[in-house]
Amino acid sequence: MYRRLVLLDLRGTGRSAFPDSAASYSCDRQVADVEALRDHLGLARVDVPAHSAGANLAMQ
């Protein structure tokens, strides 16, 4: 068994663009970003390791 590692820069972090509105940083929107990436990659399920503030996103 193998795992593919995909690193996601959340909104406004790393190389991602800064949103126009602070409302774009909401947890619901960031969870939707993760789901959109999963769907884009065609993955039925994913493991989402997380730390600190990312743990809230992973749980949702």
N, C-alpha and C. Protein backbone atom coordinates (compact mmCIF):
# COMPACT_ATOMS: atom_id res chain seq x y z
N MET A 1 0.85 -1.17 0.00
CA MET A 1 0.00 0.00 0.00
C MET A 1 0.89 1.24 0.00
N TYR A 2 0.47 2.26 -0.69
CA TYR A 2 1.22 3.51 -0.72
C TYR A 2 0.26 4.67 -0.49
N ARG A 3 0.80 5.78 -0.17
CA ARG A 3 0.02 7.00 0.01
C ARG A 3 0.66 8.09 -0.84
N ARG A 4 -0.19 8.87 -1.49
CA ARG A 4 0.28 10.05 -2.22
C ARG A 4 0.18 11.23 -1.28
N LEU A 5 1.22 12.01 -1.19
CA LEU A 5 1.22 13.18 -0.32
C LEU A 5 0.92 14.42 -1.17
N VAL A 6 -0.11 15.14 -0.79
CA VAL A 6 -0.48 16.38 -1.46
C VAL A 6 -0.47 17.48 -0.41
N LEU A 7 0.29 18.51 -0.65
CA LEU A 7 0.36 19.63 0.28
C LEU A 7 -0.49 20.77 -0.26
N LEU A 8 -1.41 21.23 0.54
CA LEU A 8 -2.33 22.30 0.15
C LEU A 8 -1.96 23.57 0.89
N ASP A 9 -1.76 24.65 0.16
CA ASP A 9 -1.61 25.96 0.79
C ASP A 9 -3.01 26.51 0.98
N LEU A 10 -3.42 26.66 2.22
CA LEU A 10 -4.75 27.22 2.48
C LEU A 10 -4.81 28.66 2.02
N ARG A 11 -6.01 29.17 1.89
CA ARG A 11 -6.21 30.55 1.43
C ARG A 11 -5.30 31.54 2.15
N GLY A 12 -4.58 32.32 1.37
CA GLY A 12 -3.74 33.37 1.93
C GLY A 12 -2.46 32.89 2.58
N THR A 13 -2.10 31.61 2.40
CA THR A 13 -0.86 31.11 2.96
C THR A 13 0.00 30.53 1.85
N GLY A 14 1.30 30.42 2.10
CA GLY A 14 2.19 29.83 1.10
C GLY A 14 2.12 30.56 -0.22
N ARG A 15 1.89 29.80 -1.28
CA ARG A 15 1.83 30.39 -2.63
C ARG A 15 0.41 30.70 -3.08
N SER A 16 -0.58 30.49 -2.21
CA SER A 16 -1.95 30.78 -2.62
C SER A 16 -2.19 32.29 -2.61
N ALA A 17 -3.18 32.71 -3.37
CA ALA A 17 -3.51 34.13 -3.46
C ALA A 17 -4.19 34.60 -2.17
N PHE A 18 -4.06 35.89 -1.89
CA PHE A 18 -4.75 36.46 -0.75
C PHE A 18 -6.19 36.78 -1.16
N PRO A 19 -7.16 36.32 -0.40
CA PRO A 19 -8.56 36.61 -0.73
C PRO A 19 -8.85 38.11 -0.60
N ASP A 20 -9.85 38.56 -1.36
CA ASP A 20 -10.25 39.97 -1.28
C ASP A 20 -10.95 40.28 0.04
N SER A 21 -11.64 39.29 0.57
CA SER A 21 -12.44 39.49 1.77
C SER A 21 -11.97 38.58 2.90
N ALA A 22 -11.94 39.11 4.10
CA ALA A 22 -11.57 38.30 5.26
C ALA A 22 -12.57 37.17 5.49
N ALA A 23 -13.80 37.33 5.00
CA ALA A 23 -14.82 36.29 5.14
C ALA A 23 -14.41 35.01 4.40
N SER A 24 -13.51 35.14 3.42
CA SER A 24 -13.04 33.98 2.67
C SER A 24 -12.20 33.04 3.52
N TYR A 25 -11.76 33.51 4.68
CA TYR A 25 -10.96 32.67 5.56
C TYR A 25 -11.82 31.79 6.47
N SER A 26 -13.14 31.84 6.31
CA SER A 26 -14.01 31.06 7.20
C SER A 26 -13.68 29.57 7.09
N CYS A 27 -13.90 28.88 8.17
CA CYS A 27 -13.61 27.45 8.21
C CYS A 27 -14.41 26.71 7.14
N ASP A 28 -15.68 27.06 6.98
CA ASP A 28 -16.52 26.38 5.98
C ASP A 28 -15.95 26.51 4.57
N ARG A 29 -15.47 27.69 4.23
CA ARG A 29 -14.90 27.89 2.89
C ARG A 29 -13.60 27.13 2.71
N GLN A 30 -12.79 27.07 3.76
CA GLN A 30 -11.53 26.34 3.65
C GLN A 30 -11.78 24.83 3.59
N VAL A 31 -12.79 24.35 4.31
CA VAL A 31 -13.16 22.94 4.20
C VAL A 31 -13.63 22.65 2.78
N ALA A 32 -14.39 23.57 2.20
CA ALA A 32 -14.84 23.40 0.81
C ALA A 32 -13.65 23.36 -0.15
N ASP A 33 -12.60 24.11 0.13
CA ASP A 33 -11.39 24.07 -0.70
C ASP A 33 -10.76 22.68 -0.66
N VAL A 34 -10.67 22.12 0.54
CA VAL A 34 -10.08 20.78 0.67
C VAL A 34 -10.94 19.76 -0.08
N GLU A 35 -12.25 19.87 0.05
CA GLU A 35 -13.15 18.95 -0.65
C GLU A 35 -13.04 19.12 -2.16
N ALA A 36 -12.91 20.36 -2.63
CA ALA A 36 -12.76 20.60 -4.07
C ALA A 36 -11.47 19.98 -4.59
N LEU A 37 -10.41 20.06 -3.80
CA LEU A 37 -9.15 19.44 -4.21
C LEU A 37 -9.29 17.93 -4.28
N ARG A 38 -9.93 17.34 -3.27
CA ARG A 38 -10.16 15.89 -3.26
C ARG A 38 -10.94 15.48 -4.51
N ASP A 39 -11.98 16.22 -4.82
CA ASP A 39 -12.80 15.92 -5.99
C ASP A 39 -11.99 16.10 -7.28
N HIS A 40 -11.23 17.17 -7.36
CA HIS A 40 -10.39 17.45 -8.54
C HIS A 40 -9.39 16.31 -8.79
N LEU A 41 -8.85 15.76 -7.71
CA LEU A 41 -7.89 14.66 -7.84
C LEU A 41 -8.56 13.31 -8.07
N GLY A 42 -9.90 13.27 -8.01
CA GLY A 42 -10.63 12.03 -8.26
C GLY A 42 -10.48 11.00 -7.15
N LEU A 43 -10.30 11.46 -5.94
CA LEU A 43 -10.09 10.55 -4.82
C LEU A 43 -11.40 10.34 -4.05
N ALA A 44 -11.75 9.09 -3.81
CA ALA A 44 -12.97 8.78 -3.07
C ALA A 44 -12.80 9.09 -1.58
N ARG A 45 -11.61 8.83 -1.05
CA ARG A 45 -11.33 9.12 0.35
C ARG A 45 -9.90 9.60 0.48
N VAL A 46 -9.67 10.32 1.55
CA VAL A 46 -8.33 10.81 1.84
C VAL A 46 -8.06 10.75 3.33
N ASP A 47 -6.80 10.66 3.69
CA ASP A 47 -6.37 10.84 5.07
C ASP A 47 -5.93 12.29 5.20
N VAL A 48 -6.37 12.96 6.24
CA VAL A 48 -6.04 14.37 6.40
C VAL A 48 -5.33 14.56 7.74
N PRO A 49 -4.00 14.47 7.74
CA PRO A 49 -3.28 14.77 8.98
C PRO A 49 -3.29 16.28 9.19
N ALA A 50 -3.36 16.69 10.43
CA ALA A 50 -3.43 18.12 10.70
C ALA A 50 -2.80 18.42 12.06
N HIS A 51 -2.47 19.68 12.21
CA HIS A 51 -1.85 20.15 13.46
C HIS A 51 -2.37 21.54 13.76
N SER A 52 -2.55 21.82 15.00
CA SER A 52 -2.91 23.15 15.48
C SER A 52 -4.22 23.61 14.83
N ALA A 53 -4.25 24.80 14.23
CA ALA A 53 -5.49 25.32 13.67
C ALA A 53 -6.03 24.44 12.54
N GLY A 54 -5.16 23.71 11.84
CA GLY A 54 -5.60 22.83 10.77
C GLY A 54 -6.42 21.66 11.27
N ALA A 55 -6.31 21.34 12.55
CA ALA A 55 -7.07 20.23 13.10
C ALA A 55 -8.57 20.49 13.02
N ASN A 56 -9.00 21.73 13.19
CA ASN A 56 -10.42 22.05 13.07
C ASN A 56 -10.91 21.77 11.66
N LEU A 57 -10.13 22.14 10.66
CA LEU A 57 -10.51 21.86 9.27
C LEU A 57 -10.57 20.36 9.02
N ALA A 58 -9.59 19.64 9.52
CA ALA A 58 -9.53 18.19 9.30
C ALA A 58 -10.74 17.49 9.92
N MET A 59 -11.15 17.94 11.08
CA MET A 59 -12.29 17.30 11.75
C MET A 59 -13.59 17.54 10.98
N GLN A 60 -13.69 18.69 10.34
CA GLN A 60 -14.91 18.99 9.59
C GLN A 60 -14.90 18.30 8.26
